[in-house]
């Protein structure tokens, strides 16, 4: 039997490296940053790494993809990347972290 996936779960599974996301977690402030990597596929132990610069210091947080503590993962924008792991962004400073935004096809009327 096929398992029905709700839209909330579908949004979590569609997160990719290069996406700029905001992660809402119970009891924690909102953490916004760039997704550097994803591990574990879509399995129960799948995780994703979010990187942001706060007060001039690079901060990485690793979140379990299926954690019940994460109330919402909001995708702000998607970037065009050619790597599955974006660890090279750790060494970049300032505007070096900026990624090219992915162009989406819009319907012409």
C-alpha atoms as a PDB file:
ATOM      1  CA  UNK A   1       0.000   0.000   0.000  1.00  0.00           C
ATOM      2  CA  UNK A   2       1.257   3.467  -0.871  1.00  0.00           C
ATOM      3  CA  UNK A   3       1.851   5.793   2.046  1.00  0.00           C
ATOM      4  CA  UNK A   4       0.049   9.120   1.743  1.00  0.00           C
ATOM      5  CA  UNK A   5       2.382  12.079   2.293  1.00  0.00           C
ATOM      6  CA  UNK A   6       0.804  15.296   3.549  1.00  0.00           C
ATOM      7  CA  UNK A   7       1.910  18.691   2.234  1.00  0.00           C
ATOM      8  CA  UNK A   8       3.805  19.556   5.421  1.00  0.00           C
ATOM      9  CA  UNK A   9       5.901  16.390   5.081  1.00  0.00           C
ATOM     10  CA  UNK A  10       6.341  16.990   1.354  1.00  0.00           C
ATOM     11  CA  UNK A  11       7.832  20.441   2.069  1.00  0.00           C
ATOM     12  CA  UNK A  12      10.367  18.879   4.425  1.00  0.00           C
ATOM     13  CA  UNK A  13      11.389  16.270   1.873  1.00  0.00           C
ATOM     14  CA  UNK A  14      11.897  18.890  -0.845  1.00  0.00           C
ATOM     15  CA  UNK A  15      14.668  20.760   1.015  1.00  0.00           C
ATOM     16  CA  UNK A  16      17.902  20.784  -1.005  1.00  0.00           C
ATOM     17  CA  UNK A  17      21.421  22.171  -0.531  1.00  0.00           C
ATOM     18  CA  UNK A  18      21.540  25.815  -1.574  1.00  0.00           C
ATOM     19  CA  UNK A  19      18.050  26.606  -0.283  1.00  0.00           C
ATOM     20  CA  UNK A  20      17.730  29.511   2.130  1.00  0.00           C
ATOM     21  CA  UNK A  21      15.369  28.368   4.873  1.00  0.00           C
ATOM     22  CA  UNK A  22      13.918  29.450   8.209  1.00  0.00           C
ATOM     23  CA  UNK A  23      13.554  26.656  10.757  1.00  0.00           C
ATOM     24  CA  UNK A  24      10.895  27.077  13.444  1.00  0.00           C
ATOM     25  CA  UNK A  25      11.508  24.856  16.472  1.00  0.00           C
ATOM     26  CA  UNK A  26       9.572  24.629  19.747  1.00  0.00           C
ATOM     27  CA  UNK A  27      11.292  26.570  22.526  1.00  0.00           C
ATOM     28  CA  UNK A  28      13.975  27.991  20.214  1.00  0.00           C
ATOM     29  CA  UNK A  29      14.248  31.228  18.227  1.00  0.00           C
ATOM     30  CA  UNK A  30      13.830  31.040  14.453  1.00  0.00           C
ATOM     31  CA  UNK A  31      17.081  30.057  12.705  1.00  0.00           C
ATOM     32  CA  UNK A  32      17.513  31.278   9.123  1.00  0.00           C
ATOM     33  CA  UNK A  33      20.358  30.277   6.851  1.00  0.00           C
ATOM     34  CA  UNK A  34      21.600  28.298   3.865  1.00  0.00           C
ATOM     35  CA  UNK A  35      21.246  24.513   3.711  1.00  0.00           C
ATOM     36  CA  UNK A  36      24.789  23.144   3.311  1.00  0.00           C
ATOM     37  CA  UNK A  37      24.032  19.433   3.191  1.00  0.00           C
ATOM     38  CA  UNK A  38      21.482  16.699   3.597  1.00  0.00           C
ATOM     39  CA  UNK A  39      22.227  13.235   4.944  1.00  0.00           C
ATOM     40  CA  UNK A  40      20.284  10.018   5.263  1.00  0.00           C
ATOM     41  CA  UNK A  41      17.987  10.412   2.266  1.00  0.00           C
ATOM     42  CA  UNK A  42      14.357  10.480   3.410  1.00  0.00           C
ATOM     43  CA  UNK A  43      14.805   7.847   6.114  1.00  0.00           C
ATOM     44  CA  UNK A  44      13.966   8.258   9.798  1.00  0.00           C
ATOM     45  CA  UNK A  45      17.502   9.372  10.673  1.00  0.00           C
ATOM     46  CA  UNK A  46      17.763  11.959   7.869  1.00  0.00           C
ATOM     47  CA  UNK A  47      19.323  15.306   8.825  1.00  0.00           C
ATOM     48  CA  UNK A  48      20.103  18.627   7.186  1.00  0.00           C
ATOM     49  CA  UNK A  49      22.733  21.256   8.040  1.00  0.00           C
ATOM     50  CA  UNK A  50      21.845  24.968   8.100  1.00  0.00           C
ATOM     51  CA  UNK A  51      24.618  27.610   8.080  1.00  0.00           C
ATOM     52  CA  UNK A  52      24.270  31.290   8.997  1.00  0.00           C
ATOM     53  CA  UNK A  53      26.535  34.118  10.094  1.00  0.00           C
ATOM     54  CA  UNK A  54      25.534  35.693  13.404  1.00  0.00           C
ATOM     55  CA  UNK A  55      27.461  38.636  14.869  1.00  0.00           C
ATOM     56  CA  UNK A  56      30.340  37.939  12.481  1.00  0.00           C
ATOM     57  CA  UNK A  57      30.657  34.290  13.514  1.00  0.00           C
ATOM     58  CA  UNK A  58      29.620  31.342  11.336  1.00  0.00           C
ATOM     59  CA  UNK A  59      27.044  29.119  13.043  1.00  0.00           C
ATOM     60  CA  UNK A  60      25.943  25.665  11.859  1.00  0.00           C
ATOM     61  CA  UNK A  61      22.996  23.742  13.196  1.00  0.00           C
ATOM     62  CA  UNK A  62      22.133  20.149  12.369  1.00  0.00           C
ATOM     63  CA  UNK A  63      18.427  19.354  12.409  1.00  0.00           C
ATOM     64  CA  UNK A  64      16.719  15.950  12.165  1.00  0.00           C
ATOM     65  CA  UNK A  65      14.413  16.098   9.152  1.00  0.00           C
ATOM     66  CA  UNK A  66      11.519  14.257  10.827  1.00  0.00           C
ATOM     67  CA  UNK A  67      11.811  15.797  14.311  1.00  0.00           C
ATOM     68  CA  UNK A  68       8.450  16.507  15.973  1.00  0.00           C
ATOM     69  CA  UNK A  69      10.025  19.576  17.631  1.00  0.00           C
ATOM     70  CA  UNK A  70      10.357  21.314  14.256  1.00  0.00           C
ATOM     71  CA  UNK A  71       7.027  23.023  13.708  1.00  0.00           C
ATOM     72  CA  UNK A  72       7.747  24.558  10.307  1.00  0.00           C
ATOM     73  CA  UNK A  73      10.493  24.765   7.685  1.00  0.00           C
ATOM     74  CA  UNK A  74       9.961  27.757   5.436  1.00  0.00           C
ATOM     75  CA  UNK A  75      11.875  27.981   2.143  1.00  0.00           C
ATOM     76  CA  UNK A  76      12.773  31.616   1.468  1.00  0.00           C
ATOM     77  CA  UNK A  77      14.570  31.064  -1.840  1.00  0.00           C
ATOM     78  CA  UNK A  78      16.359  28.396  -3.852  1.00  0.00           C
ATOM     79  CA  UNK A  79      19.824  28.718  -5.342  1.00  0.00           C
ATOM     80  CA  UNK A  80      21.452  27.149  -8.362  1.00  0.00           C
ATOM     81  CA  UNK A  81      24.225  24.855  -7.078  1.00  0.00           C
ATOM     82  CA  UNK A  82      26.368  22.124  -8.619  1.00  0.00           C
ATOM     83  CA  UNK A  83      27.361  20.268  -5.467  1.00  0.00           C
ATOM     84  CA  UNK A  84      25.521  18.046  -3.008  1.00  0.00           C
ATOM     85  CA  UNK A  85      27.577  19.347  -0.072  1.00  0.00           C
ATOM     86  CA  UNK A  86      28.325  23.071   0.121  1.00  0.00           C
ATOM     87  CA  UNK A  87      31.001  22.919   2.819  1.00  0.00           C
ATOM     88  CA  UNK A  88      33.192  25.342   0.854  1.00  0.00           C
ATOM     89  CA  UNK A  89      30.841  28.145   1.981  1.00  0.00           C
ATOM     90  CA  UNK A  90      32.302  27.859   5.492  1.00  0.00           C
ATOM     91  CA  UNK A  91      35.487  29.582   4.302  1.00  0.00           C
ATOM     92  CA  UNK A  92      33.706  32.387   2.430  1.00  0.00           C
ATOM     93  CA  UNK A  93      33.193  35.802   3.999  1.00  0.00           C
ATOM     94  CA  UNK A  94      30.629  38.527   3.311  1.00  0.00           C
ATOM     95  CA  UNK A  95      29.269  38.536  -0.228  1.00  0.00           C
ATOM     96  CA  UNK A  96      31.224  35.364  -1.053  1.00  0.00           C
ATOM     97  CA  UNK A  97      28.416  33.375   0.546  1.00  0.00           C
ATOM     98  CA  UNK A  98      25.819  34.671  -1.928  1.00  0.00           C
ATOM     99  CA  UNK A  99      24.539  32.046  -4.349  1.00  0.00           C
ATOM    100  CA  UNK A 100      22.864  32.553  -7.719  1.00  0.00           C
ATOM    101  CA  UNK A 101      19.122  32.333  -7.384  1.00  0.00           C
ATOM    102  CA  UNK A 102      17.367  29.556  -9.264  1.00  0.00           C
ATOM    103  CA  UNK A 103      15.079  30.882 -11.974  1.00  0.00           C
ATOM    104  CA  UNK A 104      11.582  29.477 -11.990  1.00  0.00           C
ATOM    105  CA  UNK A 105       9.468  29.199 -15.091  1.00  0.00           C
ATOM    106  CA  UNK A 106       6.441  31.470 -14.997  1.00  0.00           C
ATOM    107  CA  UNK A 107       3.366  31.146 -17.156  1.00  0.00           C
ATOM    108  CA  UNK A 108       2.985  33.799 -19.812  1.00  0.00           C
ATOM    109  CA  UNK A 109      -0.452  35.273 -20.375  1.00  0.00           C
END
